[in-house]
Amino acid sequence: RNDLIERDIIPVIPPKSNRKFPAEFDKETYKWRYLIENYFGKLKENRGIAMRSCKTDQSFKAFIAIAATHIQTR
């Protein structure tokens, strides 16, 4: 946490549950970070995205759009 603060980055790391004096963190920001990280994880479950097997940028963007639509419809 101290390294992040030194670099002017707001740490969004929850403290351990059994810590005597828990460090403060923004729960709302953590919730959004969690959602975004999980969404990228779900996108990378698609082999084509994880390996970047598309030959052009346009087809890669289209594949991401298809995968995102698939995730949203689950």
PDB file of N, CA and C in Angstrom:
ATOM      1  N   ARG A   1       0.816  -1.200   0.000  1.00  0.00           N
ATOM      2  CA  ARG A   1       0.000   0.000   0.000  1.00  0.00           C
ATOM      3  C   ARG A   1       0.855   1.257   0.000  1.00  0.00           C
ATOM      4  N   ASN A   2       1.933   1.215   0.759  1.00  0.00           N
ATOM      5  CA  ASN A   2       2.792   2.398   0.833  1.00  0.00           C
ATOM      6  C   ASN A   2       3.434   2.704  -0.509  1.00  0.00           C
ATOM      7  N   ASP A   3       3.821   1.657  -1.257  1.00  0.00           N
ATOM      8  CA  ASP A   3       4.398   1.877  -2.586  1.00  0.00           C
ATOM      9  C   ASP A   3       3.396   2.565  -3.508  1.00  0.00           C
ATOM     10  N   LEU A   4       2.147   2.137  -3.435  1.00  0.00           N
ATOM     11  CA  LEU A   4       1.114   2.747  -4.275  1.00  0.00           C
ATOM     12  C   LEU A   4       0.891   4.207  -3.903  1.00  0.00           C
ATOM     13  N   ILE A   5       0.861   4.479  -2.626  1.00  0.00           N
ATOM     14  CA  ILE A   5       0.653   5.858  -2.171  1.00  0.00           C
ATOM     15  C   ILE A   5       1.810   6.746  -2.610  1.00  0.00           C
ATOM     16  N   GLU A   6       3.041   6.214  -2.552  1.00  0.00           N
ATOM     17  CA  GLU A   6       4.202   6.987  -2.993  1.00  0.00           C
ATOM     18  C   GLU A   6       4.126   7.339  -4.473  1.00  0.00           C
ATOM     19  N   ARG A   7       3.485   6.466  -5.266  1.00  0.00           N
ATOM     20  CA  ARG A   7       3.352   6.716  -6.700  1.00  0.00           C
ATOM     21  C   ARG A   7       2.041   7.417  -7.045  1.00  0.00           C
ATOM     22  N   ASP A   8       1.378   7.987  -6.055  1.00  0.00           N
ATOM     23  CA  ASP A   8       0.107   8.710  -6.227  1.00  0.00           C
ATOM     24  C   ASP A   8      -0.992   7.839  -6.821  1.00  0.00           C
ATOM     25  N   ILE A   9      -1.039   6.585  -6.374  1.00  0.00           N
ATOM     26  CA  ILE A   9      -2.089   5.656  -6.784  1.00  0.00           C
ATOM     27  C   ILE A   9      -2.926   5.344  -5.550  1.00  0.00           C
ATOM     28  N   ILE A  10      -4.232   5.403  -5.706  1.00  0.00           N
ATOM     29  CA  ILE A  10      -5.117   5.116  -4.578  1.00  0.00           C
ATOM     30  C   ILE A  10      -5.222   3.598  -4.419  1.00  0.00           C
ATOM     31  N   PRO A  11      -4.780   3.042  -3.280  1.00  0.00           N
ATOM     32  CA  PRO A  11      -4.868   1.594  -3.100  1.00  0.00           C
ATOM     33  C   PRO A  11      -6.310   1.155  -2.861  1.00  0.00           C
ATOM     34  N   VAL A  12      -6.723   0.127  -3.567  1.00  0.00           N
ATOM     35  CA  VAL A  12      -8.067  -0.428  -3.408  1.00  0.00           C
ATOM     36  C   VAL A  12      -7.901  -1.894  -3.029  1.00  0.00           C
ATOM     37  N   ILE A  13      -7.199  -2.109  -1.932  1.00  0.00           N
ATOM     38  CA  ILE A  13      -6.900  -3.453  -1.462  1.00  0.00           C
ATOM     39  C   ILE A  13      -7.592  -3.623  -0.115  1.00  0.00           C
ATOM     40  N   PRO A  14      -8.508  -4.577   0.011  1.00  0.00           N
ATOM     41  CA  PRO A  14      -9.171  -4.754   1.302  1.00  0.00           C
ATOM     42  C   PRO A  14      -8.197  -5.333   2.328  1.00  0.00           C
ATOM     43  N   PRO A  15      -8.331  -4.941   3.599  1.00  0.00           N
ATOM     44  CA  PRO A  15      -7.441  -5.486   4.628  1.00  0.00           C
ATOM     45  C   PRO A  15      -7.832  -6.916   4.982  1.00  0.00           C
ATOM     46  N   LYS A  16      -6.912  -7.629   5.608  1.00  0.00           N
ATOM     47  CA  LYS A  16      -7.226  -8.969   6.096  1.00  0.00           C
ATOM     48  C   LYS A  16      -8.313  -8.864   7.158  1.00  0.00           C
ATOM     49  N   SER A  17      -9.173  -9.847   7.230  1.00  0.00           N
ATOM     50  CA  SER A  17     -10.317  -9.772   8.138  1.00  0.00           C
ATOM     51  C   SER A  17      -9.914  -9.854   9.612  1.00  0.00           C
ATOM     52  N   ASN A  18      -8.773 -10.474   9.913  1.00  0.00           N
ATOM     53  CA  ASN A  18      -8.384 -10.634  11.312  1.00  0.00           C
ATOM     54  C   ASN A  18      -7.364  -9.588  11.772  1.00  0.00           C
ATOM     55  N   ARG A  19      -7.196  -8.536  11.037  1.00  0.00           N
ATOM     56  CA  ARG A  19      -6.242  -7.487  11.384  1.00  0.00           C
ATOM     57  C   ARG A  19      -6.797  -6.637  12.533  1.00  0.00           C
ATOM     58  N   LYS A  20      -5.947  -6.321  13.522  1.00  0.00           N
ATOM     59  CA  LYS A  20      -6.412  -5.555  14.685  1.00  0.00           C
ATOM     60  C   LYS A  20      -6.850  -4.150  14.308  1.00  0.00           C
ATOM     61  N   PHE A  21      -6.030  -3.481  13.514  1.00  0.00           N
ATOM     62  CA  PHE A  21      -6.347  -2.125  13.063  1.00  0.00           C
ATOM     63  C   PHE A  21      -6.465  -2.144  11.544  1.00  0.00           C
ATOM     64  N   PRO A  22      -7.664  -2.421  11.037  1.00  0.00           N
ATOM     65  CA  PRO A  22      -7.812  -2.559   9.579  1.00  0.00           C
ATOM     66  C   PRO A  22      -7.523  -1.262   8.827  1.00  0.00           C
ATOM     67  N   ALA A  23      -6.827  -1.410   7.720  1.00  0.00           N
ATOM     68  CA  ALA A  23      -6.556  -0.261   6.852  1.00  0.00           C
ATOM     69  C   ALA A  23      -7.852   0.124   6.142  1.00  0.00           C
ATOM     70  N   GLU A  24      -8.037   1.401   5.935  1.00  0.00           N
ATOM     71  CA  GLU A  24      -9.248   1.868   5.270  1.00  0.00           C
ATOM     72  C   GLU A  24      -9.111   1.717   3.760  1.00  0.00           C
ATOM     73  N   PHE A  25     -10.225   1.415   3.121  1.00  0.00           N
ATOM     74  CA  PHE A  25     -10.273   1.353   1.665  1.00  0.00           C
ATOM     75  C   PHE A  25     -11.681   1.700   1.224  1.00  0.00           C
ATOM     76  N   ASP A  26     -11.804   2.138  -0.014  1.00  0.00           N
ATOM     77  CA  ASP A  26     -13.092   2.557  -0.558  1.00  0.00           C
ATOM     78  C   ASP A  26     -13.839   1.331  -1.075  1.00  0.00           C
ATOM     79  N   LYS A  27     -14.904   0.954  -0.389  1.00  0.00           N
ATOM     80  CA  LYS A  27     -15.649  -0.253  -0.761  1.00  0.00           C
ATOM     81  C   LYS A  27     -16.318  -0.116  -2.126  1.00  0.00           C
ATOM     82  N   GLU A  28     -16.790   1.069  -2.440  1.00  0.00           N
ATOM     83  CA  GLU A  28     -17.455   1.286  -3.736  1.00  0.00           C
ATOM     84  C   GLU A  28     -16.466   1.110  -4.893  1.00  0.00           C
ATOM     85  N   THR A  29     -15.272   1.683  -4.751  1.00  0.00           N
ATOM     86  CA  THR A  29     -14.242   1.536  -5.784  1.00  0.00           C
ATOM     87  C   THR A  29     -13.817   0.082  -5.903  1.00  0.00           C
ATOM     88  N   TYR A  30     -13.714  -0.612  -4.765  1.00  0.00           N
ATOM     89  CA  TYR A  30     -13.332  -2.027  -4.780  1.00  0.00           C
ATOM     90  C   TYR A  30     -14.378  -2.860  -5.505  1.00  0.00           C
ATOM     91  N   LYS A  31     -15.651  -2.521  -5.303  1.00  0.00           N
ATOM     92  CA  LYS A  31     -16.728  -3.251  -5.973  1.00  0.00           C
ATOM     93  C   LYS A  31     -16.594  -3.133  -7.498  1.00  0.00           C
ATOM     94  N   TRP A  32     -16.304  -1.902  -7.986  1.00  0.00           N
ATOM     95  CA  TRP A  32     -16.155  -1.694  -9.427  1.00  0.00           C
ATOM     96  C   TRP A  32     -14.900  -2.386  -9.953  1.00  0.00           C
ATOM     97  N   ARG A  33     -13.814  -2.336  -9.190  1.00  0.00           N
ATOM     98  CA  ARG A  33     -12.581  -3.006  -9.603  1.00  0.00           C
ATOM     99  C   ARG A  33     -12.824  -4.509  -9.742  1.00  0.00           C
ATOM    100  N   TYR A  34     -13.531  -5.090  -8.785  1.00  0.00           N
ATOM    101  CA  TYR A  34     -13.854  -6.510  -8.797  1.00  0.00           C
ATOM    102  C   TYR A  34     -14.675  -6.867 -10.039  1.00  0.00           C
ATOM    103  N   LEU A  35     -15.685  -6.060 -10.343  1.00  0.00           N
ATOM    104  CA  LEU A  35     -16.526  -6.321 -11.510  1.00  0.00           C
ATOM    105  C   LEU A  35     -15.721  -6.271 -12.811  1.00  0.00           C
ATOM    106  N   ILE A  36     -14.864  -5.265 -12.934  1.00  0.00           N
ATOM    107  CA  ILE A  36     -14.076  -5.098 -14.156  1.00  0.00           C
ATOM    108  C   ILE A  36     -13.073  -6.231 -14.319  1.00  0.00           C
ATOM    109  N   GLU A  37     -12.382  -6.602 -13.232  1.00  0.00           N
ATOM    110  CA  GLU A  37     -11.405  -7.688 -13.319  1.00  0.00           C
ATOM    111  C   GLU A  37     -12.081  -9.004 -13.692  1.00  0.00           C
ATOM    112  N   ASN A  38     -13.243  -9.267 -13.116  1.00  0.00           N
ATOM    113  CA  ASN A  38     -13.961 -10.498 -13.448  1.00  0.00           C
ATOM    114  C   ASN A  38     -14.460 -10.490 -14.884  1.00  0.00           C
ATOM    115  N   TYR A  39     -14.865  -9.323 -15.381  1.00  0.00           N
ATOM    116  CA  TYR A  39     -15.337  -9.229 -16.757  1.00  0.00           C
ATOM    117  C   TYR A  39     -14.206  -9.545 -17.735  1.00  0.00           C
ATOM    118  N   PHE A  40     -13.012  -8.988 -17.470  1.00  0.00           N
ATOM    119  CA  PHE A  40     -11.871  -9.302 -18.327  1.00  0.00           C
ATOM    120  C   PHE A  40     -11.515 -10.783 -18.234  1.00  0.00           C
ATOM    121  N   GLY A  41     -11.653 -11.362 -17.055  1.00  0.00           N
ATOM    122  CA  GLY A  41     -11.407 -12.793 -16.903  1.00  0.00           C
ATOM    123  C   GLY A  41     -12.372 -13.620 -17.738  1.00  0.00           C
ATOM    124  N   LYS A  42     -13.641 -13.216 -17.750  1.00  0.00           N
ATOM    125  CA  LYS A  42     -14.634 -13.923 -18.560  1.00  0.00           C
ATOM    126  C   LYS A  42     -14.346 -13.758 -20.048  1.00  0.00           C
ATOM    127  N   LEU A  43     -13.894 -12.557 -20.442  1.00  0.00           N
ATOM    128  CA  LEU A  43     -13.537 -12.356 -21.848  1.00  0.00           C
ATOM    129  C   LEU A  43     -12.385 -13.272 -22.251  1.00  0.00           C
ATOM    130  N   LYS A  44     -11.407 -13.419 -21.359  1.00  0.00           N
ATOM    131  CA  LYS A  44     -10.229 -14.223 -21.676  1.00  0.00           C
ATOM    132  C   LYS A  44     -10.501 -15.720 -21.642  1.00  0.00           C
ATOM    133  N   GLU A  45     -11.698 -16.120 -21.181  1.00  0.00           N
ATOM    134  CA  GLU A  45     -12.073 -17.528 -21.260  1.00  0.00           C
ATOM    135  C   GLU A  45     -12.220 -17.960 -22.716  1.00  0.00           C
ATOM    136  N   ASN A  46     -12.500 -17.011 -23.590  1.00  0.00           N
ATOM    137  CA  ASN A  46     -12.592 -17.302 -25.015  1.00  0.00           C
ATOM    138  C   ASN A  46     -11.181 -17.444 -25.565  1.00  0.00           C
ATOM    139  N   ARG A  47     -10.895 -18.574 -26.139  1.00  0.00           N
ATOM    140  CA  ARG A  47      -9.545 -18.885 -26.594  1.00  0.00           C
ATOM    141  C   ARG A  47      -9.032 -17.887 -27.619  1.00  0.00           C
ATOM    142  N   GLY A  48      -9.894 -17.442 -28.504  1.00  0.00           N
ATOM    143  CA  GLY A  48      -9.476 -16.507 -29.546  1.00  0.00           C
ATOM    144  C   GLY A  48      -9.007 -15.172 -29.001  1.00  0.00           C
ATOM    145  N   ILE A  49      -9.628 -14.733 -27.923  1.00  0.00           N
ATOM    146  CA  ILE A  49      -9.216 -13.466 -27.320  1.00  0.00           C
ATOM    147  C   ILE A  49      -7.936 -13.658 -26.528  1.00  0.00           C
ATOM    148  N   ALA A  50      -7.861 -14.747 -25.772  1.00  0.00           N
ATOM    149  CA  ALA A  50      -6.686 -14.984 -24.938  1.00  0.00           C
ATOM    150  C   ALA A  50      -5.427 -15.135 -25.781  1.00  0.00           C
ATOM    151  N   MET A  51      -5.550 -15.763 -26.949  1.00  0.00           N
ATOM    152  CA  MET A  51      -4.378 -16.007 -27.795  1.00  0.00           C
ATOM    153  C   MET A  51      -4.211 -14.957 -28.886  1.00  0.00           C
ATOM    154  N   ARG A  52      -5.166 -14.042 -29.012  1.00  0.00           N
ATOM    155  CA  ARG A  52      -5.144 -13.007 -30.059  1.00  0.00           C
ATOM    156  C   ARG A  52      -4.910 -13.633 -31.439  1.00  0.00           C
ATOM    157  N   SER A  53      -5.745 -14.602 -31.754  1.00  0.00           N
ATOM    158  CA  SER A  53      -5.572 -15.336 -33.004  1.00  0.00           C
ATOM    159  C   SER A  53      -6.128 -14.602 -34.226  1.00  0.00           C
ATOM    160  N   CYS A  54      -6.812 -13.491 -34.040  1.00  0.00           N
ATOM    161  CA  CYS A  54      -7.339 -12.732 -35.171  1.00  0.00           C
ATOM    162  C   CYS A  54      -6.198 -12.032 -35.899  1.00  0.00           C
ATOM    163  N   LYS A  55      -6.315 -11.957 -37.207  1.00  0.00           N
ATOM    164  CA  LYS A  55      -5.230 -11.372 -38.001  1.00  0.00           C
ATOM    165  C   LYS A  55      -5.291  -9.854 -38.079  1.00  0.00           C
ATOM    166  N   THR A  56      -6.487  -9.291 -38.009  1.00  0.00           N
ATOM    167  CA  THR A  56      -6.603  -7.835 -38.128  1.00  0.00           C
ATOM    168  C   THR A  56      -7.208  -7.251 -36.856  1.00  0.00           C
ATOM    169  N   ASP A  57      -6.965  -5.968 -36.648  1.00  0.00           N
ATOM    170  CA  ASP A  57      -7.534  -5.280 -35.490  1.00  0.00           C
ATOM    171  C   ASP A  57      -9.056  -5.265 -35.555  1.00  0.00           C
ATOM    172  N   GLN A  58      -9.571  -5.113 -36.758  1.00  0.00           N
ATOM    173  CA  GLN A  58     -11.020  -5.038 -36.930  1.00  0.00           C
ATOM    174  C   GLN A  58     -11.685  -6.363 -36.544  1.00  0.00           C
ATOM    175  N   SER A  59     -11.108  -7.484 -36.961  1.00  0.00           N
ATOM    176  CA  SER A  59     -11.703  -8.774 -36.609  1.00  0.00           C
ATOM    177  C   SER A  59     -11.549  -9.055 -35.111  1.00  0.00           C
ATOM    178  N   PHE A  60     -10.452  -8.580 -34.501  1.00  0.00           N
ATOM    179  CA  PHE A  60     -10.258  -8.744 -33.061  1.00  0.00           C
ATOM    180  C   PHE A  60     -11.322  -7.967 -32.287  1.00  0.00           C
ATOM    181  N   LYS A  61     -11.589  -6.723 -32.715  1.00  0.00           N
ATOM    182  CA  LYS A  61     -12.627  -5.915 -32.070  1.00  0.00           C
ATOM    183  C   LYS A  61     -13.998  -6.568 -32.227  1.00  0.00           C
ATOM    184  N   ALA A  62     -14.251  -7.131 -33.391  1.00  0.00           N
ATOM    185  CA  ALA A  62     -15.532  -7.799 -33.630  1.00  0.00           C
ATOM    186  C   ALA A  62     -15.672  -9.025 -32.731  1.00  0.00           C
ATOM    187  N   PHE A  63     -14.581  -9.769 -32.568  1.00  0.00           N
ATOM    188  CA  PHE A  63     -14.623 -10.955 -31.715  1.00  0.00           C
ATOM    189  C   PHE A  63     -14.868 -10.562 -30.262  1.00  0.00           C
ATOM    190  N   ILE A  64     -14.260  -9.458 -29.815  1.00  0.00           N
ATOM    191  CA  ILE A  64     -14.500  -8.975 -28.453  1.00  0.00           C
ATOM    192  C   ILE A  64     -15.961  -8.572 -28.291  1.00  0.00           C
ATOM    193  N   ALA A  65     -16.528  -7.919 -29.299  1.00  0.00           N
ATOM    194  CA  ALA A  65     -17.936  -7.512 -29.238  1.00  0.00           C
ATOM    195  C   ALA A  65     -18.851  -8.731 -29.152  1.00  0.00           C
ATOM    196  N   ILE A  66     -18.540  -9.758 -29.913  1.00  0.00           N
ATOM    197  CA  ILE A  66     -19.349 -10.986 -29.874  1.00  0.00           C
ATOM    198  C   ILE A  66     -19.230 -11.659 -28.513  1.00  0.00           C
ATOM    199  N   ALA A  67     -18.008 -11.748 -27.995  1.00  0.00           N
ATOM    200  CA  ALA A  67     -17.796 -12.377 -26.689  1.00  0.00           C
ATOM    201  C   ALA A  67     -18.489 -11.582 -25.583  1.00  0.00           C
ATOM    202  N   ALA A  68     -18.424 -10.255 -25.648  1.00  0.00           N
ATOM    203  CA  ALA A  68     -19.084  -9.416 -24.642  1.00  0.00           C
ATOM    204  C   ALA A  68     -20.598  -9.600 -24.689  1.00  0.00           C
ATOM    205  N   THR A  69     -21.133  -9.694 -25.887  1.00  0.00           N
ATOM    206  CA  THR A  69     -22.571  -9.927 -26.033  1.00  0.00           C
ATOM    207  C   THR A  69     -22.953 -11.280 -25.450  1.00  0.00           C
ATOM    208  N   HIS A  70     -22.125 -12.272 -25.693  1.00  0.00           N
ATOM    209  CA  HIS A  70     -22.373 -13.615 -25.158  1.00  0.00           C
ATOM    210  C   HIS A  70     -22.359 -13.597 -23.625  1.00  0.00           C
ATOM    211  N   ILE A  71     -21.410 -12.875 -23.038  1.00  0.00           N
ATOM    212  CA  ILE A  71     -21.324 -12.784 -21.577  1.00  0.00           C
ATOM    213  C   ILE A  71     -22.561 -12.085 -21.017  1.00  0.00           C
ATOM    214  N   GLN A  72     -23.009 -11.023 -21.682  1.00  0.00           N
ATOM    215  CA  GLN A  72     -24.160 -10.268 -21.193  1.00  0.00           C
ATOM    216  C   GLN A  72     -25.454 -11.076 -21.271  1.00  0.00           C
ATOM    217  N   THR A  73     -25.545 -11.999 -22.219  1.00  0.00           N
ATOM    218  CA  THR A  73     -26.782 -12.769 -22.371  1.00  0.00           C
ATOM    219  C   THR A  73     -26.825 -14.002 -21.475  1.00  0.00           C
ATOM    220  N   ARG A  74     -25.749 -14.289 -20.788  1.00  0.00           N
ATOM    221  CA  ARG A  74     -25.756 -15.448 -19.879  1.00  0.00           C
ATOM    222  C   ARG A  74     -26.683 -15.230 -18.729  1.00  0.00           C
TER     223      ARG A  74
END
